[in-house]
Amino acid sequence: MAKSLTAETLSRVAPKLAELSREVLFNDIWKRDALSPRDRSLITLAALTALGRVQQLPWHIDFAQQNGLSKEEITEAFTHLAFYAGWPAAVSALGCLDEE
């Protein structure tokens, strides 16, 4: 499995992508008022799970907890997603939660 890039590694390898991630994604999109950071984290976890992007999940699980989601709520979201995104996707996501 490919390893997730840290922010520092991304800055070194792809400085423009790191800049866009920081400035547009996290300093603009994530701070818009229409959705709370908690809601955005829940949506992001669902999207990453459905798309099988397990390399990104550990960081976003931690971020979701910083944004107010409990481990129980995240577990419930992954369980719910089993019926919409597929059993393997949900089990893989739960595996990332268990790594904490």
Foldseek 3Di string as FASTA:
>chain_A
DDAADDLVRCCVPPVVVSVCCVVVVVVPVCPDDPDQVLVVLLVVLLVCLLVVVLNPLLVSVVSNVVSPDDLVNSLVSLVVCCVVSNVVSSVSSVVSSVVD
